[in-house]
Amino acid sequence: MHNDELYIQRAFDLALLGLGSVSPNPLVGCVIVYNGKVIGEGWHKKYGEAHAEVNAIESVADKSLLPESTVYVSLEPCAHFGKTPPCSDLLVKYGVKRVVISNIDTNPLVGGKGIKKLEDAGIKVTTGVLEHEGLEINKRFFTGLKKKRPCIILKWAETADGFVARKNYDSKWISNKTSRKLVHKWRAEEDAIMVGTNTAHYDDPQLNVRDWSGRNPVRVVIDRNLRLSKSLKLFDSTQPTICYNLLTDQEIEGLRYVKLPENNFFEALFFNLYEQGLRSVIVEGGAQLLNLLIEKGMWDEARVFVSQIKFEEGIDAPGISGLVAEELIDTDKLLIYKN
């Protein structure tokens, strides 16, 4: 592999360590190389704290090597004052020799300004290394900038004969234990998790991270006419929860009711999540909600577990196209779709 690609790939690996902790900021990793040897590494660890470039430079033991070093970073260094000072200024201060970047930051506050600062200081800049892979890693960030809504990830489990639940809405347990643990890992990585009215009513889910370590996502439930029982686990105030409806706006002990217009209900819902700084939402059902979002084209990725279990009859799994990958999770097959 070409050296630039090798070190950018390492920057990606570092960037992903911030998954679930940096939103609404992007995932960024940084590698500093002197004479073919890595002398510093860092990543953006937590929203509001130091960026990847700062952490990488701080990790360099002998900073006198920086003027002859190449800095590899997964996203264009910022050029503006936000929660922290501009990273482009820091690289200029240390007079690094070269900066290699995967993706240009399309945020209007950056948008090439970081690169211009570097080039104006005489630093050689290379962009577009593993660009497609970089866009995938920061799909949450770029989707927000482009579409003014979170990245929408659909998830469901279906039987070998194509059902997501029995006729009485019972869906336990279609996927295996390993798959269910993986789902908890995913929950820790995303900002919000959403279910429809039927899933909330029949499954009474907790929608938290129990089988993995990490933060709980914001719970989102749709209850247009406020018919759901207040005794459901969703309303237990153990984690922030938003109930989108047609009737009322109010807040009670960590539970927010947000009234939306009947027309453009989902467009308004996802924009409201975006306005709150939530850059990703994983939709865990049910079939009616999943089908609706697929029909509207309001999804970016779908993760579908297909088990070996058969129900013979029940509620049909959603139909979807755009398969890009599949893998085995013990006895289950995991299918990944992209819109």
C-alpha atoms as a PDB file:
ATOM      1  CA  MET A   1       0.000   0.000   0.000  1.00  0.00           C
ATOM      2  CA  HIS A   2       1.201   3.508  -0.786  1.00  0.00           C
ATOM      3  CA  ASN A   3       2.614   5.190   2.346  1.00  0.00           C
ATOM      4  CA  ASP A   4       0.078   8.038   2.262  1.00  0.00           C
ATOM      5  CA  GLU A   5      -2.790   5.529   2.182  1.00  0.00           C
ATOM      6  CA  LEU A   6      -1.207   3.446   4.921  1.00  0.00           C
ATOM      7  CA  TYR A   7      -0.964   6.368   7.341  1.00  0.00           C
ATOM      8  CA  ILE A   8      -4.393   7.770   6.417  1.00  0.00           C
ATOM      9  CA  GLN A   9      -5.864   4.336   7.134  1.00  0.00           C
ATOM     10  CA  ARG A  10      -4.195   4.478  10.536  1.00  0.00           C
ATOM     11  CA  ALA A  11      -5.743   7.928  11.037  1.00  0.00           C
ATOM     12  CA  PHE A  12      -9.149   6.375  10.245  1.00  0.00           C
ATOM     13  CA  ASP A  13      -8.578   3.637  12.824  1.00  0.00           C
ATOM     14  CA  LEU A  14      -7.765   6.273  15.437  1.00  0.00           C
ATOM     15  CA  ALA A  15     -10.735   8.447  14.417  1.00  0.00           C
ATOM     16  CA  LEU A  16     -13.169   5.574  15.019  1.00  0.00           C
ATOM     17  CA  LEU A  17     -12.080   5.398  18.667  1.00  0.00           C
ATOM     18  CA  GLY A  18     -14.130   8.574  19.162  1.00  0.00           C
ATOM     19  CA  LEU A  19     -17.362   6.984  17.903  1.00  0.00           C
ATOM     20  CA  GLY A  20     -20.176   7.731  20.331  1.00  0.00           C
ATOM     21  CA  SER A  21     -18.261  10.500  22.124  1.00  0.00           C
ATOM     22  CA  VAL A  22     -17.630  13.409  19.746  1.00  0.00           C
ATOM     23  CA  SER A  23     -20.978  14.103  18.048  1.00  0.00           C
ATOM     24  CA  PRO A  24     -22.005  16.545  16.635  1.00  0.00           C
ATOM     25  CA  ASN A  25     -18.321  16.966  15.751  1.00  0.00           C
ATOM     26  CA  PRO A  26     -16.756  14.705  13.110  1.00  0.00           C
ATOM     27  CA  LEU A  27     -14.543  11.712  13.825  1.00  0.00           C
ATOM     28  CA  VAL A  28     -10.911  12.722  13.285  1.00  0.00           C
ATOM     29  CA  GLY A  29      -7.624  10.858  13.664  1.00  0.00           C
ATOM     30  CA  CYS A  30      -4.086  12.158  13.167  1.00  0.00           C
ATOM     31  CA  VAL A  31      -0.710  10.493  12.617  1.00  0.00           C
ATOM     32  CA  ILE A  32       2.655  12.294  12.554  1.00  0.00           C
ATOM     33  CA  VAL A  33       5.515  10.663  10.632  1.00  0.00           C
ATOM     34  CA  TYR A  34       9.222  11.600  10.633  1.00  0.00           C
ATOM     35  CA  ASN A  35      11.641   9.844   8.287  1.00  0.00           C
ATOM     36  CA  GLY A  36       9.320   6.857   7.828  1.00  0.00           C
ATOM     37  CA  LYS A  37       8.606   6.452  11.543  1.00  0.00           C
ATOM     38  CA  VAL A  38       5.443   7.324  13.470  1.00  0.00           C
ATOM     39  CA  ILE A  39       6.395   9.823  16.190  1.00  0.00           C
ATOM     40  CA  GLY A  40       2.912  10.957  17.240  1.00  0.00           C
ATOM     41  CA  GLU A  41      -0.730   9.899  17.155  1.00  0.00           C
ATOM     42  CA  GLY A  42      -4.010  11.311  18.402  1.00  0.00           C
ATOM     43  CA  TRP A  43      -7.739  11.434  17.876  1.00  0.00           C
ATOM     44  CA  HIS A  44     -10.671  13.605  18.849  1.00  0.00           C
ATOM     45  CA  LYS A  45     -11.768  11.854  22.050  1.00  0.00           C
ATOM     46  CA  LYS A  46     -14.705  13.884  23.325  1.00  0.00           C
ATOM     47  CA  TYR A  47     -16.897  16.745  22.153  1.00  0.00           C
ATOM     48  CA  GLY A  48     -15.595  20.075  23.449  1.00  0.00           C
ATOM     49  CA  GLU A  49     -12.139  18.716  24.170  1.00  0.00           C
ATOM     50  CA  ALA A  50      -8.859  18.798  22.200  1.00  0.00           C
ATOM     51  CA  HIS A  51      -8.940  17.883  18.519  1.00  0.00           C
ATOM     52  CA  ALA A  52      -6.932  15.067  16.936  1.00  0.00           C
ATOM     53  CA  GLU A  53      -4.067  17.291  15.757  1.00  0.00           C
ATOM     54  CA  VAL A  54      -3.583  18.765  19.231  1.00  0.00           C
ATOM     55  CA  ASN A  55      -3.465  15.317  20.848  1.00  0.00           C
ATOM     56  CA  ALA A  56      -1.087  14.019  18.184  1.00  0.00           C
ATOM     57  CA  ILE A  57       1.359  16.916  18.568  1.00  0.00           C
ATOM     58  CA  GLU A  58       1.240  16.632  22.351  1.00  0.00           C
ATOM     59  CA  SER A  59       2.239  12.962  22.018  1.00  0.00           C
ATOM     60  CA  VAL A  60       5.437  13.846  20.109  1.00  0.00           C
ATOM     61  CA  ALA A  61       8.380  13.525  22.498  1.00  0.00           C
ATOM     62  CA  ASP A  62      10.853  15.550  20.417  1.00  0.00           C
ATOM     63  CA  LYS A  63       8.997  18.488  18.876  1.00  0.00           C
ATOM     64  CA  SER A  64      12.152  19.655  17.090  1.00  0.00           C
ATOM     65  CA  LEU A  65      11.363  16.912  14.545  1.00  0.00           C
ATOM     66  CA  LEU A  66       8.032  18.497  13.529  1.00  0.00           C
ATOM     67  CA  PRO A  67       9.426  20.861  10.838  1.00  0.00           C
ATOM     68  CA  GLU A  68      10.652  17.783   8.934  1.00  0.00           C
ATOM     69  CA  SER A  69       7.521  15.710   9.602  1.00  0.00           C
ATOM     70  CA  THR A  70       4.372  14.844   7.648  1.00  0.00           C
ATOM     71  CA  VAL A  71       1.015  15.104   9.382  1.00  0.00           C
ATOM     72  CA  TYR A  72      -1.715  12.696   8.219  1.00  0.00           C
ATOM     73  CA  VAL A  73      -5.244  13.703   9.202  1.00  0.00           C
ATOM     74  CA  SER A  74      -8.581  12.185   8.224  1.00  0.00           C
ATOM     75  CA  LEU A  75     -10.347  15.550   7.867  1.00  0.00           C
ATOM     76  CA  GLU A  76      -9.177  19.038   6.942  1.00  0.00           C
ATOM     77  CA  PRO A  77      -7.787  20.834  10.025  1.00  0.00           C
ATOM     78  CA  CYS A  78     -10.231  23.433  11.323  1.00  0.00           C
ATOM     79  CA  ALA A  79      -9.591  27.126  10.665  1.00  0.00           C
ATOM     80  CA  HIS A  80     -12.002  28.697  13.157  1.00  0.00           C
ATOM     81  CA  PHE A  81     -12.333  29.192  16.896  1.00  0.00           C
ATOM     82  CA  GLY A  82     -15.010  26.904  18.301  1.00  0.00           C
ATOM     83  CA  LYS A  83     -14.729  24.990  21.559  1.00  0.00           C
ATOM     84  CA  THR A  84     -10.977  24.900  20.821  1.00  0.00           C
ATOM     85  CA  PRO A  85      -8.500  27.054  18.805  1.00  0.00           C
ATOM     86  CA  PRO A  86      -7.915  26.372  15.068  1.00  0.00           C
ATOM     87  CA  CYS A  87      -5.821  23.263  14.406  1.00  0.00           C
ATOM     88  CA  SER A  88      -4.460  24.759  11.174  1.00  0.00           C
ATOM     89  CA  ASP A  89      -2.852  27.537  13.251  1.00  0.00           C
ATOM     90  CA  LEU A  90      -1.195  24.920  15.466  1.00  0.00           C
ATOM     91  CA  LEU A  91       0.325  23.117  12.458  1.00  0.00           C
ATOM     92  CA  VAL A  92       1.576  26.439  11.087  1.00  0.00           C
ATOM     93  CA  LYS A  93       3.063  27.296  14.501  1.00  0.00           C
ATOM     94  CA  TYR A  94       5.138  24.115  14.526  1.00  0.00           C
ATOM     95  CA  GLY A  95       6.049  24.531  10.840  1.00  0.00           C
ATOM     96  CA  VAL A  96       5.329  20.972   9.761  1.00  0.00           C
ATOM     97  CA  LYS A  97       6.692  20.031   6.345  1.00  0.00           C
ATOM     98  CA  ARG A  98       3.604  18.436   4.784  1.00  0.00           C
ATOM     99  CA  VAL A  99      -0.040  17.715   5.606  1.00  0.00           C
ATOM    100  CA  VAL A 100      -1.950  14.835   3.982  1.00  0.00           C
ATOM    101  CA  ILE A 101      -5.757  14.977   4.239  1.00  0.00           C
ATOM    102  CA  SER A 102      -8.470  12.488   3.322  1.00  0.00           C
ATOM    103  CA  ASN A 103     -11.565  14.743   3.211  1.00  0.00           C
ATOM    104  CA  ILE A 104     -12.061  18.466   2.828  1.00  0.00           C
ATOM    105  CA  ASP A 105     -14.411  19.758   5.528  1.00  0.00           C
ATOM    106  CA  THR A 106     -17.588  21.037   3.820  1.00  0.00           C
ATOM    107  CA  ASN A 107     -18.631  22.935   6.934  1.00  0.00           C
ATOM    108  CA  PRO A 108     -18.834  26.590   5.778  1.00  0.00           C
ATOM    109  CA  LEU A 109     -16.705  27.574   8.805  1.00  0.00           C
ATOM    110  CA  VAL A 110     -13.849  25.498   7.374  1.00  0.00           C
ATOM    111  CA  GLY A 111     -14.477  24.639   3.706  1.00  0.00           C
ATOM    112  CA  GLY A 112     -10.901  24.910   2.427  1.00  0.00           C
ATOM    113  CA  LYS A 113      -9.866  27.709   4.786  1.00  0.00           C
ATOM    114  CA  GLY A 114      -7.716  25.349   6.828  1.00  0.00           C
ATOM    115  CA  ILE A 115      -5.897  24.192   3.702  1.00  0.00           C
ATOM    116  CA  LYS A 116      -5.386  27.797   2.573  1.00  0.00           C
ATOM    117  CA  LYS A 117      -3.797  28.705   5.936  1.00  0.00           C
ATOM    118  CA  LEU A 118      -1.393  25.795   5.603  1.00  0.00           C
ATOM    119  CA  GLU A 119      -0.454  26.551   2.001  1.00  0.00           C
ATOM    120  CA  ASP A 120      -0.042  30.273   2.734  1.00  0.00           C
ATOM    121  CA  ALA A 121       2.504  29.260   5.374  1.00  0.00           C
ATOM    122  CA  GLY A 122       4.474  27.239   2.815  1.00  0.00           C
ATOM    123  CA  ILE A 123       3.269  23.822   3.986  1.00  0.00           C
ATOM    124  CA  LYS A 124       2.745  21.275   1.207  1.00  0.00           C
ATOM    125  CA  VAL A 125      -0.817  19.896   1.274  1.00  0.00           C
ATOM    126  CA  THR A 126      -2.149  16.701  -0.334  1.00  0.00           C
ATOM    127  CA  THR A 127      -5.916  15.990  -0.286  1.00  0.00           C
ATOM    128  CA  GLY A 128      -8.289  13.222  -1.356  1.00  0.00           C
ATOM    129  CA  VAL A 129      -6.335  10.226  -0.030  1.00  0.00           C
ATOM    130  CA  LEU A 130      -8.832   7.375   0.538  1.00  0.00           C
ATOM    131  CA  GLU A 131     -11.542   9.991   0.112  1.00  0.00           C
ATOM    132  CA  HIS A 132     -14.446   7.552  -0.273  1.00  0.00           C
ATOM    133  CA  GLU A 133     -13.471   5.663   2.890  1.00  0.00           C
ATOM    134  CA  GLY A 134     -13.200   8.964   4.749  1.00  0.00           C
ATOM    135  CA  LEU A 135     -16.710   9.972   3.702  1.00  0.00           C
ATOM    136  CA  GLU A 136     -18.036   6.650   4.995  1.00  0.00           C
ATOM    137  CA  ILE A 137     -16.362   7.062   8.393  1.00  0.00           C
ATOM    138  CA  ASN A 138     -17.859  10.548   8.754  1.00  0.00           C
ATOM    139  CA  LYS A 139     -21.226   9.736   7.171  1.00  0.00           C
ATOM    140  CA  ARG A 140     -23.005  11.124  10.246  1.00  0.00           C
ATOM    141  CA  PHE A 141     -21.188  14.466  10.021  1.00  0.00           C
ATOM    142  CA  PHE A 142     -21.488  14.881   6.238  1.00  0.00           C
ATOM    143  CA  THR A 143     -25.150  13.796   6.150  1.00  0.00           C
ATOM    144  CA  GLY A 144     -25.950  16.504   8.690  1.00  0.00           C
ATOM    145  CA  LEU A 145     -24.140  19.180   6.673  1.00  0.00           C
ATOM    146  CA  LYS A 146     -25.725  18.143   3.393  1.00  0.00           C
ATOM    147  CA  LYS A 147     -29.276  17.147   4.377  1.00  0.00           C
ATOM    148  CA  LYS A 148     -29.875  18.999   7.674  1.00  0.00           C
ATOM    149  CA  ARG A 149     -30.989  15.772   9.313  1.00  0.00           C
ATOM    150  CA  PRO A 150     -29.281  12.904  11.161  1.00  0.00           C
ATOM    151  CA  CYS A 151     -27.806   9.910   9.400  1.00  0.00           C
ATOM    152  CA  ILE A 152     -30.690   7.397   9.508  1.00  0.00           C
ATOM    153  CA  ILE A 153     -29.738   3.766  10.134  1.00  0.00           C
ATOM    154  CA  LEU A 154     -32.500   1.160   9.910  1.00  0.00           C
ATOM    155  CA  LYS A 155     -32.116  -2.079  11.841  1.00  0.00           C
ATOM    156  CA  TRP A 156     -34.258  -5.169  12.104  1.00  0.00           C
ATOM    157  CA  ALA A 157     -34.062  -8.942  12.483  1.00  0.00           C
ATOM    158  CA  GLU A 158     -36.081 -11.260  10.282  1.00  0.00           C
ATOM    159  CA  THR A 159     -36.689 -14.997  10.182  1.00  0.00           C
ATOM    160  CA  ALA A 160     -35.421 -17.281   7.434  1.00  0.00           C
ATOM    161  CA  ASP A 161     -38.920 -17.178   5.937  1.00  0.00           C
ATOM    162  CA  GLY A 162     -39.127 -13.374   5.990  1.00  0.00           C
ATOM    163  CA  PHE A 163     -41.039 -12.291   9.109  1.00  0.00           C
ATOM    164  CA  VAL A 164     -40.109  -9.681  11.739  1.00  0.00           C
ATOM    165  CA  ALA A 165     -42.722 -10.779  14.277  1.00  0.00           C
ATOM    166  CA  ARG A 166     -45.501 -13.238  14.852  1.00  0.00           C
ATOM    167  CA  LYS A 167     -49.079 -12.201  14.113  1.00  0.00           C
ATOM    168  CA  ASN A 168     -49.506 -11.144  17.760  1.00  0.00           C
ATOM    169  CA  TYR A 169     -46.476  -8.783  17.290  1.00  0.00           C
ATOM    170  CA  ASP A 170     -44.204 -10.997  19.412  1.00  0.00           C
ATOM    171  CA  SER A 171     -40.649 -10.824  18.018  1.00  0.00           C
ATOM    172  CA  LYS A 172     -38.532 -12.520  20.738  1.00  0.00           C
ATOM    173  CA  TRP A 173     -35.994 -13.811  19.933  1.00  0.00           C
ATOM    174  CA  ILE A 174     -35.275 -13.870  16.215  1.00  0.00           C
ATOM    175  CA  SER A 175     -31.564 -13.016  16.263  1.00  0.00           C
ATOM    176  CA  ASN A 176     -28.928 -14.837  18.322  1.00  0.00           C
ATOM    177  CA  LYS A 177     -27.127 -13.602  21.466  1.00  0.00           C
ATOM    178  CA  THR A 178     -24.040 -12.401  19.587  1.00  0.00           C
ATOM    179  CA  SER A 179     -26.174 -10.344  17.212  1.00  0.00           C
ATOM    180  CA  ARG A 180     -28.077  -8.810  20.114  1.00  0.00           C
ATOM    181  CA  LYS A 181     -24.797  -7.839  21.817  1.00  0.00           C
ATOM    182  CA  LEU A 182     -23.648  -6.235  18.556  1.00  0.00           C
ATOM    183  CA  VAL A 183     -26.858  -4.179  18.510  1.00  0.00           C
ATOM    184  CA  HIS A 184     -25.995  -2.802  21.967  1.00  0.00           C
ATOM    185  CA  LYS A 185     -22.564  -1.808  20.663  1.00  0.00           C
ATOM    186  CA  TRP A 186     -24.292   0.037  17.806  1.00  0.00           C
ATOM    187  CA  ARG A 187     -26.588   1.820  20.254  1.00  0.00           C
ATOM    188  CA  ALA A 188     -23.560   3.151  22.136  1.00  0.00           C
ATOM    189  CA  GLU A 189     -22.191   4.545  18.862  1.00  0.00           C
ATOM    190  CA  GLU A 190     -25.269   6.510  17.750  1.00  0.00           C
ATOM    191  CA  ASP A 191     -26.868   9.663  19.134  1.00  0.00           C
ATOM    192  CA  ALA A 192     -30.495   8.511  19.152  1.00  0.00           C
ATOM    193  CA  ILE A 193     -32.615   5.382  18.857  1.00  0.00           C
ATOM    194  CA  MET A 194     -36.186   5.401  17.528  1.00  0.00           C
ATOM    195  CA  VAL A 195     -39.209   3.093  17.571  1.00  0.00           C
ATOM    196  CA  GLY A 196     -42.783   3.418  16.412  1.00  0.00           C
ATOM    197  CA  THR A 197     -45.970   3.212  18.469  1.00  0.00           C
ATOM    198  CA  ASN A 198     -46.606  -0.515  17.977  1.00  0.00           C
ATOM    199  CA  THR A 199     -43.072  -1.534  18.931  1.00  0.00           C
ATOM    200  CA  ALA A 200     -43.240   0.623  22.062  1.00  0.00           C
ATOM    201  CA  HIS A 201     -46.614  -0.893  22.999  1.00  0.00           C
ATOM    202  CA  TYR A 202     -46.007  -4.569  22.258  1.00  0.00           C
ATOM    203  CA  ASP A 203     -42.282  -4.933  23.029  1.00  0.00           C
ATOM    204  CA  ASP A 204     -41.988  -2.383  25.869  1.00  0.00           C
ATOM    205  CA  PRO A 205     -38.276  -1.916  25.036  1.00  0.00           C
ATOM    206  CA  GLN A 206     -35.724  -0.145  27.245  1.00  0.00           C
ATOM    207  CA  LEU A 207     -33.618   1.031  24.269  1.00  0.00           C
ATOM    208  CA  ASN A 208     -30.487   1.359  26.371  1.00  0.00           C
ATOM    209  CA  VAL A 209     -26.950  -0.055  26.365  1.00  0.00           C
ATOM    210  CA  ARG A 210     -26.954  -3.055  28.714  1.00  0.00           C
ATOM    211  CA  ASP A 211     -24.708  -5.586  26.989  1.00  0.00           C
ATOM    212  CA  TRP A 212     -21.940  -3.142  26.062  1.00  0.00           C
ATOM    213  CA  SER A 213     -20.090  -0.256  27.701  1.00  0.00           C
ATOM    214  CA  GLY A 214     -20.909   3.245  26.502  1.00  0.00           C
ATOM    215  CA  ARG A 215     -23.446   6.014  26.720  1.00  0.00           C
ATOM    216  CA  ASN A 216     -27.151   5.449  26.259  1.00  0.00           C
ATOM    217  CA  PRO A 217     -28.616   7.060  23.145  1.00  0.00           C
ATOM    218  CA  VAL A 218     -31.486   9.536  23.319  1.00  0.00           C
ATOM    219  CA  ARG A 219     -34.687   7.517  23.047  1.00  0.00           C
ATOM    220  CA  VAL A 220     -37.197   8.622  20.414  1.00  0.00           C
ATOM    221  CA  VAL A 221     -40.736   7.304  20.211  1.00  0.00           C
ATOM    222  CA  ILE A 222     -43.590   8.220  17.884  1.00  0.00           C
ATOM    223  CA  ASP A 223     -46.978   8.482  19.569  1.00  0.00           C
ATOM    224  CA  ARG A 224     -49.047  10.769  17.363  1.00  0.00           C
ATOM    225  CA  ASN A 225     -52.150  10.798  19.556  1.00  0.00           C
ATOM    226  CA  LEU A 226     -50.496  10.102  22.932  1.00  0.00           C
ATOM    227  CA  ARG A 227     -52.107   6.702  23.403  1.00  0.00           C
ATOM    228  CA  LEU A 228     -49.115   4.866  24.846  1.00  0.00           C
ATOM    229  CA  SER A 229     -49.208   3.836  28.515  1.00  0.00           C
ATOM    230  CA  LYS A 230     -47.067   5.980  30.806  1.00  0.00           C
ATOM    231  CA  SER A 231     -45.969   2.777  32.568  1.00  0.00           C
ATOM    232  CA  LEU A 232     -43.817   1.754  29.605  1.00  0.00           C
ATOM    233  CA  LYS A 233     -40.060   1.545  30.196  1.00  0.00           C
ATOM    234  CA  LEU A 234     -39.574   4.300  27.594  1.00  0.00           C
ATOM    235  CA  PHE A 235     -41.137   6.766  30.009  1.00  0.00           C
ATOM    236  CA  ASP A 236     -39.150   5.779  33.123  1.00  0.00           C
ATOM    237  CA  SER A 237     -36.870   8.893  33.073  1.00  0.00           C
ATOM    238  CA  THR A 238     -33.685   6.782  33.170  1.00  0.00           C
ATOM    239  CA  GLN A 239     -32.357   8.409  29.983  1.00  0.00           C
ATOM    240  CA  PRO A 240     -33.380  11.391  27.821  1.00  0.00           C
ATOM    241  CA  THR A 241     -36.484  10.570  25.792  1.00  0.00           C
ATOM    242  CA  ILE A 242     -38.398  12.481  23.119  1.00  0.00           C
ATOM    243  CA  CYS A 243     -41.989  11.653  22.266  1.00  0.00           C
ATOM    244  CA  TYR A 244     -43.065  13.109  18.910  1.00  0.00           C
ATOM    245  CA  ASN A 245     -46.788  13.703  18.608  1.00  0.00           C
ATOM    246  CA  LEU A 246     -49.519  15.881  17.074  1.00  0.00           C
ATOM    247  CA  LEU A 247     -50.983  17.285  20.308  1.00  0.00           C
ATOM    248  CA  THR A 248     -48.615  18.889  22.813  1.00  0.00           C
ATOM    249  CA  ASP A 249     -45.239  20.442  23.668  1.00  0.00           C
ATOM    250  CA  GLN A 250     -44.102  19.838  27.236  1.00  0.00           C
ATOM    251  CA  GLU A 251     -41.228  18.481  29.332  1.00  0.00           C
ATOM    252  CA  ILE A 252     -41.465  16.218  32.383  1.00  0.00           C
ATOM    253  CA  GLU A 253     -38.346  14.891  34.161  1.00  0.00           C
ATOM    254  CA  GLY A 254     -36.172  14.150  31.138  1.00  0.00           C
ATOM    255  CA  LEU A 255     -39.143  13.281  28.945  1.00  0.00           C
ATOM    256  CA  ARG A 256     -39.895  15.812  26.206  1.00  0.00           C
ATOM    257  CA  TYR A 257     -43.113  15.876  24.229  1.00  0.00           C
ATOM    258  CA  VAL A 258     -42.589  17.612  20.882  1.00  0.00           C
ATOM    259  CA  LYS A 259     -45.595  18.572  18.782  1.00  0.00           C
ATOM    260  CA  LEU A 260     -45.117  18.257  15.021  1.00  0.00           C
ATOM    261  CA  PRO A 261     -47.315  19.143  12.028  1.00  0.00           C
ATOM    262  CA  GLU A 262     -49.247  16.258  10.491  1.00  0.00           C
ATOM    263  CA  ASN A 263     -48.004  17.264   7.063  1.00  0.00           C
ATOM    264  CA  ASN A 264     -44.262  16.583   6.690  1.00  0.00           C
ATOM    265  CA  PHE A 265     -44.278  14.847  10.081  1.00  0.00           C
ATOM    266  CA  PHE A 266     -41.060  12.902   9.510  1.00  0.00           C
ATOM    267  CA  GLU A 267     -39.230  15.718   7.774  1.00  0.00           C
ATOM    268  CA  ALA A 268     -40.014  17.904  10.807  1.00  0.00           C
ATOM    269  CA  LEU A 269     -39.035  15.109  13.205  1.00  0.00           C
ATOM    270  CA  PHE A 270     -35.598  14.542  11.689  1.00  0.00           C
ATOM    271  CA  PHE A 271     -34.926  18.270  11.376  1.00  0.00           C
ATOM    272  CA  ASN A 272     -35.818  18.672  15.053  1.00  0.00           C
ATOM    273  CA  LEU A 273     -33.306  15.956  15.970  1.00  0.00           C
ATOM    274  CA  TYR A 274     -30.681  17.700  13.821  1.00  0.00           C
ATOM    275  CA  GLU A 275     -31.351  21.045  15.520  1.00  0.00           C
ATOM    276  CA  GLN A 276     -30.659  19.368  18.871  1.00  0.00           C
ATOM    277  CA  GLY A 277     -27.203  18.308  17.670  1.00  0.00           C
ATOM    278  CA  LEU A 278     -28.162  14.659  17.150  1.00  0.00           C
ATOM    279  CA  ARG A 279     -26.293  13.481  14.055  1.00  0.00           C
ATOM    280  CA  SER A 280     -27.389   9.844  13.896  1.00  0.00           C
ATOM    281  CA  VAL A 281     -30.459   7.805  14.714  1.00  0.00           C
ATOM    282  CA  ILE A 282     -30.856   4.051  14.617  1.00  0.00           C
ATOM    283  CA  VAL A 283     -34.448   3.004  13.874  1.00  0.00           C
ATOM    284  CA  GLU A 284     -35.277  -0.344  15.499  1.00  0.00           C
ATOM    285  CA  GLY A 285     -38.837  -0.826  14.304  1.00  0.00           C
ATOM    286  CA  GLY A 286     -41.486  -1.769  13.860  1.00  0.00           C
ATOM    287  CA  ALA A 287     -42.308  -2.918  10.350  1.00  0.00           C
ATOM    288  CA  GLN A 288     -44.792  -0.108   9.709  1.00  0.00           C
ATOM    289  CA  LEU A 289     -42.266   2.622  10.578  1.00  0.00           C
ATOM    290  CA  LEU A 290     -39.432   0.920   8.695  1.00  0.00           C
ATOM    291  CA  ASN A 291     -41.572   0.469   5.582  1.00  0.00           C
ATOM    292  CA  LEU A 292     -42.672   4.101   5.705  1.00  0.00           C
ATOM    293  CA  LEU A 293     -39.097   5.408   5.884  1.00  0.00           C
ATOM    294  CA  ILE A 294     -37.981   3.081   3.084  1.00  0.00           C
ATOM    295  CA  GLU A 295     -40.925   4.223   0.954  1.00  0.00           C
ATOM    296  CA  LYS A 296     -40.020   7.878   1.575  1.00  0.00           C
ATOM    297  CA  GLY A 297     -36.342   7.225   0.867  1.00  0.00           C
ATOM    298  CA  MET A 298     -35.548   8.609   4.322  1.00  0.00           C
ATOM    299  CA  TRP A 299     -32.731   6.246   5.229  1.00  0.00           C
ATOM    300  CA  ASP A 300     -28.987   6.024   4.652  1.00  0.00           C
ATOM    301  CA  GLU A 301     -28.075   2.532   5.798  1.00  0.00           C
ATOM    302  CA  ALA A 302     -29.932  -0.619   6.807  1.00  0.00           C
ATOM    303  CA  ARG A 303     -28.559  -3.450   8.949  1.00  0.00           C
ATOM    304  CA  VAL A 304     -30.624  -6.618   8.698  1.00  0.00           C
ATOM    305  CA  PHE A 305     -30.102  -9.826  10.641  1.00  0.00           C
ATOM    306  CA  VAL A 306     -31.482 -12.947   8.958  1.00  0.00           C
ATOM    307  CA  SER A 307     -31.780 -15.855  11.367  1.00  0.00           C
ATOM    308  CA  GLN A 308     -32.275 -19.574  10.777  1.00  0.00           C
ATOM    309  CA  ILE A 309     -35.539 -19.516  12.729  1.00  0.00           C
ATOM    310  CA  LYS A 310     -38.850 -19.869  10.854  1.00  0.00           C
ATOM    311  CA  PHE A 311     -42.244 -18.543  11.980  1.00  0.00           C
ATOM    312  CA  GLU A 312     -44.287 -19.969   9.059  1.00  0.00           C
ATOM    313  CA  GLU A 313     -46.571 -16.915   9.317  1.00  0.00           C
ATOM    314  CA  GLY A 314     -46.451 -13.436  10.828  1.00  0.00           C
ATOM    315  CA  ILE A 315     -45.683  -9.787  10.020  1.00  0.00           C
ATOM    316  CA  ASP A 316     -43.681  -9.459   6.821  1.00  0.00           C
ATOM    317  CA  ALA A 317     -40.166  -8.018   6.926  1.00  0.00           C
ATOM    318  CA  PRO A 318     -39.670  -4.766   4.986  1.00  0.00           C
ATOM    319  CA  GLY A 319     -38.568  -4.991   1.379  1.00  0.00           C
ATOM    320  CA  ILE A 320     -35.345  -3.141   0.633  1.00  0.00           C
ATOM    321  CA  SER A 321     -32.672  -2.958  -2.059  1.00  0.00           C
ATOM    322  CA  GLY A 322     -29.076  -1.728  -2.220  1.00  0.00           C
ATOM    323  CA  LEU A 323     -27.161  -4.635  -0.660  1.00  0.00           C
ATOM    324  CA  VAL A 324     -23.467  -3.786  -0.299  1.00  0.00           C
ATOM    325  CA  ALA A 325     -22.116  -6.342   2.185  1.00  0.00           C
ATOM    326  CA  GLU A 326     -22.946  -9.443   4.179  1.00  0.00           C
ATOM    327  CA  GLU A 327     -21.271 -11.402   6.947  1.00  0.00           C
ATOM    328  CA  LEU A 328     -22.006 -14.206   9.385  1.00  0.00           C
ATOM    329  CA  ILE A 329     -22.665 -13.375  13.041  1.00  0.00           C
ATOM    330  CA  ASP A 330     -22.591 -16.911  14.493  1.00  0.00           C
ATOM    331  CA  THR A 331     -25.771 -18.472  13.109  1.00  0.00           C
ATOM    332  CA  ASP A 332     -27.217 -15.190  11.767  1.00  0.00           C
ATOM    333  CA  LYS A 333     -26.465 -13.521   8.464  1.00  0.00           C
ATOM    334  CA  LEU A 334     -25.969  -9.751   8.673  1.00  0.00           C
ATOM    335  CA  LEU A 335     -26.903  -7.842   5.495  1.00  0.00           C
ATOM    336  CA  ILE A 336     -25.842  -4.218   4.998  1.00  0.00           C
ATOM    337  CA  TYR A 337     -27.752  -1.965   2.601  1.00  0.00           C
ATOM    338  CA  LYS A 338     -26.948   1.562   1.457  1.00  0.00           C
ATOM    339  CA  ASN A 339     -29.383   4.090   0.035  1.00  0.00           C
END
